[in-house]
Amino acid sequence: MYRIILLSAWLMFLFVLASTLFWYNDWVYRMPTPVPAYYKSVSTGTKIDLSTQVNAPKGKPLFIHFYNPACPCSRFNKNHFQSLVHTYGKSIHFVVVVLSDEQYTRQYIQEKIGLNIPVLFDRSIAARCGVYSTPQAALIDTNQQLYYRGNYNASGYCSDKKTAYAKMAIDSLMQSRAILKWDQLALKAYGCTIPVCYK
């Protein structure tokens, strides 16, 4: 009887510990990412010529997925990003920019995200697009203007269809609309600080 009580108490402790860690991580990643002291904002409409860094076909908008394999938010975003590539891959050129101090191979990143798309390790692209956390999206139109830079979704699990900001930006661009006005949930970075995920 004593062993059963002890085992039950131990299992209850483990359950409470796991629940507390899950709640804490969920709370931490719902907080905005601290803006680095060196950060320079890049507004939508800014011309960003990445032709020397990204081998993109002419006449296609460019979608950049800023990613860090160590970032839990990047992992939560995987299925959502995959669905964007599968839905819009014929009309938009998708690339992944890895923002990490760890050394990864292109093949490793493609396996992690489950997609065979170009992978770049050039951190300067993030600075040029005004990105300082992962995951973030940047959409550049065919005139090399920044059409959207921000979050994929208001939900850390990318499950809120009403705030699927990256998808909304793509749809708007595909319908040749002017640059949209976004709320702070779209533009204020949430996720992991780059290059090291310590949030």
N, C-alpha and C. Protein backbone atom coordinates (compact mmCIF):
# COMPACT_ATOMS: atom_id res chain seq x y z
N MET A 1 0.82 -1.20 0.00
CA MET A 1 0.00 0.00 0.00
C MET A 1 0.87 1.27 0.00
N TYR A 2 1.96 1.22 0.79
CA TYR A 2 2.87 2.36 0.87
C TYR A 2 3.49 2.66 -0.49
N ARG A 3 3.86 1.58 -1.24
CA ARG A 3 4.46 1.76 -2.56
C ARG A 3 3.47 2.41 -3.53
N ILE A 4 2.22 2.02 -3.45
CA ILE A 4 1.19 2.59 -4.34
C ILE A 4 1.02 4.09 -4.05
N ILE A 5 0.99 4.45 -2.79
CA ILE A 5 0.86 5.87 -2.41
C ILE A 5 2.08 6.65 -2.88
N LEU A 6 3.26 6.07 -2.68
CA LEU A 6 4.50 6.74 -3.09
C LEU A 6 4.55 6.90 -4.61
N LEU A 7 4.19 5.85 -5.33
CA LEU A 7 4.17 5.90 -6.80
C LEU A 7 3.16 6.93 -7.29
N SER A 8 1.98 6.95 -6.68
CA SER A 8 0.95 7.92 -7.06
C SER A 8 1.42 9.35 -6.82
N ALA A 9 2.07 9.57 -5.68
CA ALA A 9 2.58 10.90 -5.36
C ALA A 9 3.66 11.32 -6.36
N TRP A 10 4.54 10.38 -6.72
CA TRP A 10 5.60 10.66 -7.68
C TRP A 10 5.02 11.01 -9.05
N LEU A 11 4.02 10.24 -9.50
CA LEU A 11 3.38 10.50 -10.80
C LEU A 11 2.66 11.84 -10.78
N MET A 12 2.03 12.16 -9.67
CA MET A 12 1.35 13.45 -9.55
C MET A 12 2.35 14.59 -9.62
N PHE A 13 3.51 14.42 -8.95
CA PHE A 13 4.55 15.44 -8.99
C PHE A 13 5.05 15.65 -10.42
N LEU A 14 5.30 14.55 -11.14
CA LEU A 14 5.76 14.65 -12.53
C LEU A 14 4.73 15.34 -13.42
N PHE A 15 3.45 15.02 -13.20
CA PHE A 15 2.38 15.64 -13.97
C PHE A 15 2.33 17.15 -13.71
N VAL A 16 2.40 17.54 -12.45
CA VAL A 16 2.37 18.96 -12.10
C VAL A 16 3.59 19.68 -12.66
N LEU A 17 4.76 19.04 -12.60
CA LEU A 17 5.98 19.64 -13.13
C LEU A 17 5.87 19.84 -14.64
N ALA A 18 5.41 18.81 -15.35
CA ALA A 18 5.26 18.91 -16.81
C ALA A 18 4.25 19.99 -17.18
N SER A 19 3.14 20.05 -16.46
CA SER A 19 2.11 21.07 -16.72
C SER A 19 2.65 22.47 -16.48
N THR A 20 3.42 22.62 -15.41
CA THR A 20 3.99 23.93 -15.09
C THR A 20 4.99 24.37 -16.15
N LEU A 21 5.83 23.45 -16.60
CA LEU A 21 6.80 23.78 -17.65
C LEU A 21 6.10 24.15 -18.95
N PHE A 22 5.04 23.41 -19.30
CA PHE A 22 4.29 23.71 -20.52
C PHE A 22 3.66 25.10 -20.41
N TRP A 23 3.02 25.38 -19.26
CA TRP A 23 2.38 26.68 -19.07
C TRP A 23 3.40 27.80 -19.13
N TYR A 24 4.57 27.61 -18.49
CA TYR A 24 5.60 28.64 -18.48
C TYR A 24 6.12 28.92 -19.89
N ASN A 25 6.42 27.85 -20.64
CA ASN A 25 6.91 28.04 -22.01
C ASN A 25 5.87 28.72 -22.88
N ASP A 26 4.60 28.33 -22.72
CA ASP A 26 3.53 28.95 -23.49
C ASP A 26 3.44 30.43 -23.15
N TRP A 27 3.57 30.78 -21.89
CA TRP A 27 3.51 32.17 -21.45
C TRP A 27 4.70 32.97 -22.00
N VAL A 28 5.90 32.39 -21.91
CA VAL A 28 7.10 33.08 -22.38
C VAL A 28 6.99 33.40 -23.87
N TYR A 29 6.52 32.45 -24.67
CA TYR A 29 6.48 32.65 -26.12
C TYR A 29 5.27 33.46 -26.57
N ARG A 30 4.40 33.84 -25.66
CA ARG A 30 3.31 34.76 -25.98
C ARG A 30 3.72 36.21 -25.72
N MET A 31 4.88 36.40 -25.12
CA MET A 31 5.40 37.74 -24.86
C MET A 31 6.15 38.22 -26.11
N PRO A 32 6.08 39.52 -26.42
CA PRO A 32 6.84 40.02 -27.57
C PRO A 32 8.34 39.78 -27.40
N THR A 33 9.00 39.54 -28.50
CA THR A 33 10.45 39.38 -28.48
C THR A 33 11.09 40.74 -28.20
N PRO A 34 12.02 40.80 -27.24
CA PRO A 34 12.68 42.09 -26.97
C PRO A 34 13.37 42.64 -28.22
N VAL A 35 13.19 43.92 -28.47
CA VAL A 35 13.81 44.56 -29.63
C VAL A 35 15.28 44.80 -29.33
N PRO A 36 16.19 44.29 -30.17
CA PRO A 36 17.63 44.48 -29.91
C PRO A 36 18.01 45.96 -30.01
N ALA A 37 19.06 46.33 -29.28
CA ALA A 37 19.53 47.73 -29.27
C ALA A 37 19.99 48.16 -30.67
N TYR A 38 20.51 47.24 -31.46
CA TYR A 38 21.05 47.56 -32.78
C TYR A 38 19.98 47.61 -33.87
N TYR A 39 18.73 47.32 -33.52
CA TYR A 39 17.68 47.14 -34.53
C TYR A 39 17.36 48.41 -35.30
N LYS A 40 17.26 48.26 -36.62
CA LYS A 40 16.82 49.35 -37.49
C LYS A 40 15.55 48.89 -38.20
N SER A 41 14.49 49.62 -37.97
CA SER A 41 13.19 49.26 -38.55
C SER A 41 13.22 49.41 -40.07
N VAL A 42 12.53 48.52 -40.75
CA VAL A 42 12.38 48.57 -42.20
C VAL A 42 10.88 48.58 -42.48
N SER A 43 10.41 49.65 -43.08
CA SER A 43 8.96 49.78 -43.30
C SER A 43 8.54 49.11 -44.60
N THR A 44 7.25 48.73 -44.64
CA THR A 44 6.72 48.16 -45.88
C THR A 44 6.82 49.22 -46.98
N GLY A 45 7.02 48.74 -48.18
CA GLY A 45 7.23 49.63 -49.32
C GLY A 45 8.69 49.90 -49.60
N THR A 46 9.58 49.55 -48.65
CA THR A 46 11.02 49.74 -48.85
C THR A 46 11.51 48.81 -49.96
N LYS A 47 12.35 49.34 -50.84
CA LYS A 47 12.93 48.50 -51.90
C LYS A 47 14.05 47.66 -51.31
N ILE A 48 13.96 46.35 -51.52
CA ILE A 48 14.96 45.41 -51.01
C ILE A 48 15.41 44.54 -52.18
N ASP A 49 16.58 44.83 -52.70
CA ASP A 49 17.12 44.07 -53.83
C ASP A 49 17.99 42.94 -53.29
N LEU A 50 17.47 41.73 -53.38
CA LEU A 50 18.21 40.55 -52.91
C LEU A 50 18.71 39.69 -54.07
N SER A 51 18.80 40.28 -55.26
CA SER A 51 19.15 39.50 -56.46
C SER A 51 20.52 38.87 -56.37
N THR A 52 21.44 39.46 -55.61
CA THR A 52 22.78 38.86 -55.49
C THR A 52 22.81 37.76 -54.42
N GLN A 53 21.78 37.68 -53.59
CA GLN A 53 21.76 36.69 -52.52
C GLN A 53 20.75 35.57 -52.75
N VAL A 54 19.68 35.91 -53.44
CA VAL A 54 18.61 34.93 -53.68
C VAL A 54 18.46 34.71 -55.17
N ASN A 55 18.57 33.46 -55.59
CA ASN A 55 18.42 33.12 -57.00
C ASN A 55 16.94 32.87 -57.28
N ALA A 56 16.19 33.96 -57.40
CA ALA A 56 14.74 33.86 -57.59
C ALA A 56 14.38 34.09 -59.05
N PRO A 57 13.39 33.37 -59.56
CA PRO A 57 12.96 33.61 -60.94
C PRO A 57 12.32 34.99 -61.09
N LYS A 58 12.56 35.63 -62.22
CA LYS A 58 11.98 36.95 -62.45
C LYS A 58 10.47 36.83 -62.62
N GLY A 59 9.78 37.86 -62.16
CA GLY A 59 8.33 37.88 -62.32
C GLY A 59 7.57 37.17 -61.23
N LYS A 60 8.28 36.66 -60.22
CA LYS A 60 7.62 35.99 -59.10
C LYS A 60 7.90 36.75 -57.81
N PRO A 61 6.88 36.94 -56.97
CA PRO A 61 7.17 37.50 -55.64
C PRO A 61 8.05 36.53 -54.85
N LEU A 62 8.73 37.07 -53.86
CA LEU A 62 9.64 36.29 -53.03
C LEU A 62 9.10 36.23 -51.61
N PHE A 63 8.98 35.01 -51.08
CA PHE A 63 8.55 34.81 -49.70
C PHE A 63 9.73 34.23 -48.94
N ILE A 64 10.16 34.93 -47.88
CA ILE A 64 11.30 34.47 -47.08
C ILE A 64 10.79 34.00 -45.72
N HIS A 65 11.14 32.77 -45.40
CA HIS A 65 10.79 32.17 -44.11
C HIS A 65 12.03 32.21 -43.22
N PHE A 66 12.00 33.07 -42.19
CA PHE A 66 13.13 33.17 -41.26
C PHE A 66 12.94 32.12 -40.18
N TYR A 67 13.95 31.26 -40.03
CA TYR A 67 13.78 30.00 -39.30
C TYR A 67 14.99 29.69 -38.44
N ASN A 68 14.72 29.10 -37.28
CA ASN A 68 15.78 28.57 -36.41
C ASN A 68 15.31 27.21 -35.91
N PRO A 69 16.02 26.13 -36.23
CA PRO A 69 15.59 24.79 -35.80
C PRO A 69 15.47 24.64 -34.28
N ALA A 70 16.21 25.46 -33.52
CA ALA A 70 16.17 25.37 -32.05
C ALA A 70 14.99 26.13 -31.46
N CYS A 71 14.27 26.87 -32.27
CA CYS A 71 13.18 27.71 -31.77
C CYS A 71 11.87 26.92 -31.73
N PRO A 72 11.25 26.75 -30.56
CA PRO A 72 9.98 26.03 -30.49
C PRO A 72 8.90 26.65 -31.36
N CYS A 73 8.89 27.98 -31.46
CA CYS A 73 7.88 28.64 -32.29
C CYS A 73 8.06 28.27 -33.76
N SER A 74 9.30 28.11 -34.21
CA SER A 74 9.56 27.66 -35.58
C SER A 74 9.03 26.25 -35.79
N ARG A 75 9.17 25.40 -34.77
CA ARG A 75 8.67 24.03 -34.89
C ARG A 75 7.14 24.02 -34.92
N PHE A 76 6.49 24.86 -34.09
CA PHE A 76 5.03 24.92 -34.10
C PHE A 76 4.52 25.39 -35.46
N ASN A 77 5.31 26.20 -36.15
CA ASN A 77 4.92 26.83 -37.40
C ASN A 77 5.10 25.92 -38.62
N LYS A 78 5.71 24.77 -38.44
CA LYS A 78 6.10 23.91 -39.56
C LYS A 78 4.93 23.56 -40.48
N ASN A 79 3.84 23.04 -39.94
CA ASN A 79 2.72 22.62 -40.79
C ASN A 79 2.08 23.80 -41.51
N HIS A 80 2.00 24.93 -40.82
CA HIS A 80 1.42 26.12 -41.43
C HIS A 80 2.27 26.59 -42.61
N PHE A 81 3.59 26.62 -42.42
CA PHE A 81 4.48 27.03 -43.50
C PHE A 81 4.41 26.05 -44.66
N GLN A 82 4.38 24.76 -44.36
CA GLN A 82 4.25 23.75 -45.42
C GLN A 82 3.00 23.99 -46.26
N SER A 83 1.89 24.31 -45.58
CA SER A 83 0.63 24.52 -46.32
C SER A 83 0.74 25.74 -47.23
N LEU A 84 1.46 26.78 -46.80
CA LEU A 84 1.65 27.95 -47.66
C LEU A 84 2.44 27.59 -48.91
N VAL A 85 3.51 26.82 -48.73
CA VAL A 85 4.34 26.42 -49.86
C VAL A 85 3.55 25.54 -50.82
N HIS A 86 2.78 24.59 -50.29
CA HIS A 86 2.00 23.70 -51.15
C HIS A 86 0.90 24.47 -51.90
N THR A 87 0.32 25.47 -51.25
CA THR A 87 -0.77 26.23 -51.86
C THR A 87 -0.28 27.25 -52.88
N TYR A 88 0.83 27.93 -52.58
CA TYR A 88 1.25 29.06 -53.41
C TYR A 88 2.59 28.85 -54.12
N GLY A 89 3.15 27.65 -54.02
CA GLY A 89 4.48 27.39 -54.55
C GLY A 89 4.66 27.63 -56.03
N LYS A 90 3.58 27.56 -56.82
CA LYS A 90 3.69 27.80 -58.27
C LYS A 90 3.71 29.28 -58.60
N SER A 91 3.18 30.10 -57.71
CA SER A 91 3.07 31.53 -57.98
C SER A 91 4.11 32.37 -57.24
N ILE A 92 4.66 31.82 -56.17
CA ILE A 92 5.59 32.57 -55.33
C ILE A 92 6.85 31.74 -55.11
N HIS A 93 7.99 32.41 -55.10
CA HIS A 93 9.27 31.73 -54.84
C HIS A 93 9.54 31.74 -53.34
N PHE A 94 9.57 30.58 -52.73
CA PHE A 94 9.80 30.44 -51.29
C PHE A 94 11.25 30.09 -51.01
N VAL A 95 11.83 30.75 -50.02
CA VAL A 95 13.16 30.39 -49.53
C VAL A 95 13.15 30.41 -48.01
N VAL A 96 14.07 29.66 -47.42
CA VAL A 96 14.26 29.63 -45.98
C VAL A 96 15.59 30.31 -45.67
N VAL A 97 15.58 31.23 -44.70
CA VAL A 97 16.81 31.83 -44.22
C VAL A 97 16.99 31.37 -42.77
N VAL A 98 18.06 30.65 -42.53
CA VAL A 98 18.34 30.10 -41.20
C VAL A 98 19.08 31.14 -40.37
N LEU A 99 18.53 31.42 -39.19
CA LEU A 99 19.12 32.40 -38.29
C LEU A 99 19.55 31.70 -37.01
N SER A 100 20.78 31.26 -37.00
CA SER A 100 21.31 30.51 -35.86
C SER A 100 22.82 30.55 -35.88
N ASP A 101 23.43 30.46 -34.69
CA ASP A 101 24.88 30.35 -34.60
C ASP A 101 25.35 28.91 -34.78
N GLU A 102 24.42 27.98 -34.68
CA GLU A 102 24.75 26.56 -34.89
C GLU A 102 25.01 26.32 -36.38
N GLN A 103 25.82 25.32 -36.67
CA GLN A 103 26.13 24.98 -38.05
C GLN A 103 25.18 23.87 -38.53
N TYR A 104 24.39 24.17 -39.53
CA TYR A 104 23.47 23.20 -40.11
C TYR A 104 23.75 23.08 -41.60
N THR A 105 23.37 21.96 -42.16
CA THR A 105 23.47 21.79 -43.61
C THR A 105 22.13 22.11 -44.24
N ARG A 106 22.17 22.41 -45.52
CA ARG A 106 20.94 22.67 -46.29
C ARG A 106 20.01 21.47 -46.23
N GLN A 107 20.58 20.27 -46.38
CA GLN A 107 19.78 19.05 -46.36
C GLN A 107 19.10 18.85 -45.00
N TYR A 108 19.82 19.14 -43.93
CA TYR A 108 19.25 18.99 -42.58
C TYR A 108 18.04 19.91 -42.41
N ILE A 109 18.16 21.16 -42.85
CA ILE A 109 17.06 22.12 -42.72
C ILE A 109 15.88 21.67 -43.58
N GLN A 110 16.14 21.22 -44.80
CA GLN A 110 15.06 20.75 -45.67
C GLN A 110 14.32 19.57 -45.03
N GLU A 111 15.06 18.69 -44.39
CA GLU A 111 14.43 17.56 -43.70
C GLU A 111 13.61 18.03 -42.50
N LYS A 112 14.13 19.02 -41.75
CA LYS A 112 13.41 19.54 -40.58
C LYS A 112 12.09 20.20 -40.95
N ILE A 113 12.09 20.93 -42.06
CA ILE A 113 10.86 21.61 -42.46
C ILE A 113 10.01 20.77 -43.40
N GLY A 114 10.57 19.67 -43.88
CA GLY A 114 9.81 18.76 -44.74
C GLY A 114 9.54 19.31 -46.12
N LEU A 115 10.44 20.16 -46.62
CA LEU A 115 10.25 20.78 -47.93
C LEU A 115 11.58 20.86 -48.67
N ASN A 116 11.52 20.65 -49.97
CA ASN A 116 12.72 20.75 -50.81
C ASN A 116 12.72 22.13 -51.48
N ILE A 117 13.04 23.16 -50.69
CA ILE A 117 13.09 24.52 -51.20
C ILE A 117 14.46 25.11 -50.85
N PRO A 118 14.85 26.22 -51.50
CA PRO A 118 16.17 26.80 -51.23
C PRO A 118 16.34 27.20 -49.77
N VAL A 119 17.55 26.95 -49.25
CA VAL A 119 17.91 27.29 -47.87
C VAL A 119 19.16 28.16 -47.91
N LEU A 120 19.08 29.31 -47.22
CA LEU A 120 20.20 30.24 -47.16
C LEU A 120 20.64 30.44 -45.72
N PHE A 121 21.90 30.77 -45.52
CA PHE A 121 22.45 30.98 -44.18
C PHE A 121 23.01 32.40 -44.05
N ASP A 122 22.44 33.32 -44.79
CA ASP A 122 22.91 34.70 -44.84
C ASP A 122 22.09 35.57 -43.88
N ARG A 123 22.65 35.87 -42.70
CA ARG A 123 21.94 36.63 -41.68
C ARG A 123 21.69 38.07 -42.09
N SER A 124 22.46 38.58 -43.05
CA SER A 124 22.27 39.97 -43.48
C SER A 124 20.90 40.18 -44.11
N ILE A 125 20.30 39.11 -44.63
CA ILE A 125 18.96 39.22 -45.24
C ILE A 125 17.94 39.61 -44.17
N ALA A 126 18.10 39.08 -42.98
CA ALA A 126 17.19 39.42 -41.88
C ALA A 126 17.28 40.91 -41.56
N ALA A 127 18.49 41.43 -41.46
CA ALA A 127 18.67 42.85 -41.15
C ALA A 127 18.07 43.71 -42.24
N ARG A 128 18.23 43.31 -43.48
CA ARG A 128 17.69 44.11 -44.59
C ARG A 128 16.17 44.11 -44.62
N CYS A 129 15.57 43.05 -44.07
CA CYS A 129 14.11 42.96 -44.04
C CYS A 129 13.52 43.43 -42.71
N GLY A 130 14.38 43.78 -41.75
CA GLY A 130 13.89 44.24 -40.45
C GLY A 130 13.42 43.12 -39.54
N VAL A 131 14.07 41.97 -39.65
CA VAL A 131 13.69 40.78 -38.87
C VAL A 131 14.70 40.55 -37.76
N TYR A 132 14.21 40.32 -36.54
CA TYR A 132 15.10 40.03 -35.40
C TYR A 132 14.62 38.86 -34.55
N SER A 133 13.68 38.07 -35.07
CA SER A 133 13.23 36.89 -34.33
C SER A 133 12.76 35.83 -35.31
N THR A 134 12.57 34.63 -34.80
CA THR A 134 12.02 33.54 -35.60
C THR A 134 10.82 32.94 -34.89
N PRO A 135 9.86 32.44 -35.64
CA PRO A 135 9.72 32.51 -37.10
C PRO A 135 9.13 33.85 -37.51
N GLN A 136 9.58 34.36 -38.61
CA GLN A 136 9.03 35.57 -39.21
C GLN A 136 8.91 35.34 -40.72
N ALA A 137 8.02 36.09 -41.34
CA ALA A 137 7.82 36.02 -42.78
C ALA A 137 8.11 37.37 -43.40
N ALA A 138 8.69 37.35 -44.58
CA ALA A 138 8.85 38.58 -45.37
C ALA A 138 8.39 38.26 -46.78
N LEU A 139 7.54 39.12 -47.30
CA LEU A 139 7.01 38.96 -48.66
C LEU A 139 7.45 40.17 -49.48
N ILE A 140 8.17 39.92 -50.55
CA ILE A 140 8.70 40.98 -51.40
C ILE A 140 8.05 40.84 -52.77
N ASP A 141 7.47 41.93 -53.25
CA ASP A 141 6.73 41.86 -54.51
C ASP A 141 7.68 41.87 -55.71
N THR A 142 7.12 41.82 -56.91
CA THR A 142 7.94 41.72 -58.12
C THR A 142 8.69 43.02 -58.42
N ASN A 143 8.34 44.11 -57.74
CA ASN A 143 9.08 45.37 -57.87
C ASN A 143 10.15 45.51 -56.80
N GLN A 144 10.42 44.41 -56.09
CA GLN A 144 11.43 44.35 -55.02
C GLN A 144 11.07 45.25 -53.83
N GLN A 145 9.78 45.44 -53.61
CA GLN A 145 9.32 46.22 -52.47
C GLN A 145 8.82 45.28 -51.37
N LEU A 146 9.15 45.62 -50.14
CA LEU A 146 8.70 44.83 -49.00
C LEU A 146 7.19 45.02 -48.84
N TYR A 147 6.45 43.96 -49.11
CA TYR A 147 4.99 44.02 -49.05
C TYR A 147 4.49 43.67 -47.64
N TYR A 148 5.17 42.73 -47.02
CA TYR A 148 4.80 42.33 -45.65
C TYR A 148 6.03 41.80 -44.93
N ARG A 149 6.15 42.15 -43.65
CA ARG A 149 7.15 41.56 -42.78
C ARG A 149 6.54 41.43 -41.39
N GLY A 150 6.43 40.20 -40.92
CA GLY A 150 5.84 40.03 -39.61
C GLY A 150 5.56 38.58 -39.26
N ASN A 151 4.56 38.40 -38.40
CA ASN A 151 4.22 37.08 -37.88
C ASN A 151 3.37 36.30 -38.88
N TYR A 152 3.39 35.00 -38.69
CA TYR A 152 2.52 34.13 -39.47
C TYR A 152 1.10 34.17 -38.94
N ASN A 153 0.97 34.31 -37.62
CA ASN A 153 -0.33 34.13 -36.98
C ASN A 153 -0.28 34.73 -35.58
N ALA A 154 -1.42 35.12 -35.05
CA ALA A 154 -1.47 35.62 -33.67
C ALA A 154 -1.31 34.49 -32.67
N SER A 155 -1.60 33.27 -33.10
CA SER A 155 -1.48 32.11 -32.23
C SER A 155 -0.10 31.50 -32.37
N GLY A 156 0.51 31.16 -31.24
CA GLY A 156 1.83 30.53 -31.27
C GLY A 156 1.83 29.19 -31.99
N TYR A 157 0.66 28.59 -32.12
CA TYR A 157 0.55 27.29 -32.79
C TYR A 157 0.04 27.43 -34.22
N CYS A 158 -0.08 28.67 -34.70
CA CYS A 158 -0.54 28.96 -36.06
C CYS A 158 -1.88 28.30 -36.36
N SER A 159 -2.79 28.37 -35.41
CA SER A 159 -4.07 27.69 -35.56
C SER A 159 -5.25 28.65 -35.72
N ASP A 160 -5.00 29.96 -35.62
CA ASP A 160 -6.07 30.94 -35.70
C ASP A 160 -6.20 31.44 -37.14
N LYS A 161 -7.22 30.95 -37.85
CA LYS A 161 -7.38 31.30 -39.26
C LYS A 161 -7.71 32.77 -39.46
N LYS A 162 -8.31 33.41 -38.47
CA LYS A 162 -8.67 34.82 -38.59
C LYS A 162 -7.45 35.73 -38.56
N THR A 163 -6.35 35.24 -38.02
CA THR A 163 -5.13 36.04 -37.97
C THR A 163 -3.97 35.37 -38.71
N ALA A 164 -4.28 34.70 -39.79
CA ALA A 164 -3.24 34.07 -40.61
C ALA A 164 -2.59 35.16 -41.47
N TYR A 165 -1.77 36.00 -40.82
CA TYR A 165 -1.28 37.22 -41.46
C TYR A 165 -0.46 36.96 -42.73
N ALA A 166 0.44 36.00 -42.69
CA ALA A 166 1.27 35.72 -43.86
C ALA A 166 0.41 35.27 -45.03
N LYS A 167 -0.56 34.41 -44.76
CA LYS A 167 -1.47 33.96 -45.82
C LYS A 167 -2.31 35.12 -46.34
N MET A 168 -2.78 35.97 -45.44
CA MET A 168 -3.56 37.14 -45.84
C MET A 168 -2.73 38.06 -46.72
N ALA A 169 -1.45 38.22 -46.39
CA ALA A 169 -0.57 39.07 -47.18
C ALA A 169 -0.38 38.49 -48.58
N ILE A 170 -0.17 37.18 -48.66
CA ILE A 170 -0.01 36.53 -49.97
C ILE A 170 -1.28 36.72 -50.79
N ASP A 171 -2.43 36.44 -50.20
CA ASP A 171 -3.69 36.59 -50.94
C ASP A 171 -3.88 38.01 -51.43
N SER A 172 -3.56 38.99 -50.60
CA SER A 172 -3.70 40.39 -50.98
C SER A 172 -2.77 40.74 -52.13
N LEU A 173 -1.52 40.28 -52.05
CA LEU A 173 -0.56 40.55 -53.11
C LEU A 173 -1.00 39.89 -54.42
N MET A 174 -1.49 38.66 -54.32
CA MET A 174 -1.91 37.94 -55.53
C MET A 174 -3.11 38.63 -56.20
N GLN A 175 -3.89 39.36 -55.41
CA GLN A 175 -5.03 40.10 -55.96
C GLN A 175 -4.65 41.54 -56.31
N SER A 176 -3.35 41.82 -56.31
CA SER A 176 -2.79 43.12 -56.69
C SER A 176 -3.35 44.28 -55.87
N ARG A 177 -3.55 44.04 -54.59
CA ARG A 177 -4.00 45.11 -53.71
C ARG A 177 -2.83 45.93 -53.22
N ALA A 178 -3.12 47.15 -52.80
CA ALA A 178 -2.09 48.00 -52.20
C ALA A 178 -1.66 47.36 -50.88
N ILE A 179 -0.51 47.77 -50.38
CA ILE A 179 0.01 47.24 -49.12
C ILE A 179 -1.01 47.48 -48.01
N LEU A 180 -1.32 46.43 -47.28
CA LEU A 180 -2.33 46.50 -46.23
C LEU A 180 -1.78 47.15 -44.97
N LYS A 181 -2.68 47.67 -44.17
CA LYS A 181 -2.33 48.17 -42.83
C LYS A 181 -2.51 47.01 -41.87
N TRP A 182 -1.51 46.75 -41.05
CA TRP A 182 -1.54 45.60 -40.15
C TRP A 182 -1.60 46.07 -38.70
N ASP A 183 -2.21 45.25 -37.85
CA ASP A 183 -2.23 45.57 -36.43
C ASP A 183 -0.93 45.11 -35.77
N GLN A 184 -0.76 45.46 -34.51
CA GLN A 184 0.49 45.16 -33.80
C GLN A 184 0.73 43.66 -33.63
N LEU A 185 -0.32 42.86 -33.57
CA LEU A 185 -0.12 41.41 -33.46
C LEU A 185 0.55 40.85 -34.71
N ALA A 186 0.35 41.51 -35.82
CA ALA A 186 1.01 41.07 -37.06
C ALA A 186 2.45 41.55 -37.12
N LEU A 187 2.71 42.76 -36.66
CA LEU A 187 4.01 43.39 -36.88
C LEU A 187 4.98 43.27 -35.72
N LYS A 188 4.49 43.22 -34.49
CA LYS A 188 5.39 43.11 -33.33
C LYS A 188 5.89 41.66 -33.25
N ALA A 189 7.20 41.49 -33.20
CA ALA A 189 7.77 40.14 -33.27
C ALA A 189 7.49 39.34 -32.00
N TYR A 190 7.04 38.11 -32.23
CA TYR A 190 6.85 37.13 -31.16
C TYR A 190 7.63 35.89 -31.55
N GLY A 191 8.35 35.32 -30.64
CA GLY A 191 9.10 34.11 -30.97
C GLY A 191 10.47 34.14 -30.32
N CYS A 192 11.46 33.64 -31.04
CA CYS A 192 12.80 33.46 -30.50
C CYS A 192 13.74 34.55 -30.98
N THR A 193 14.52 35.08 -30.06
CA THR A 193 15.53 36.07 -30.42
C THR A 193 16.58 35.40 -31.30
N ILE A 194 17.08 36.13 -32.26
CA ILE A 194 18.15 35.59 -33.10
C ILE A 194 19.49 36.19 -32.67
N PRO A 195 20.60 35.47 -32.90
CA PRO A 195 20.70 34.16 -33.53
C PRO A 195 20.52 32.99 -32.57
N VAL A 196 20.59 33.26 -31.25
CA VAL A 196 20.50 32.17 -30.28
C VAL A 196 19.13 32.22 -29.64
N CYS A 197 18.47 31.08 -29.60
CA CYS A 197 17.14 31.03 -29.00
C CYS A 197 17.27 30.92 -27.48
N TYR A 198 17.14 32.05 -26.78
CA TYR A 198 17.24 32.01 -25.33
C TYR A 198 15.98 32.51 -24.65
N LYS A 199 14.96 32.86 -25.41
CA LYS A 199 13.74 33.40 -24.81
C LYS A 199 12.98 32.33 -24.05
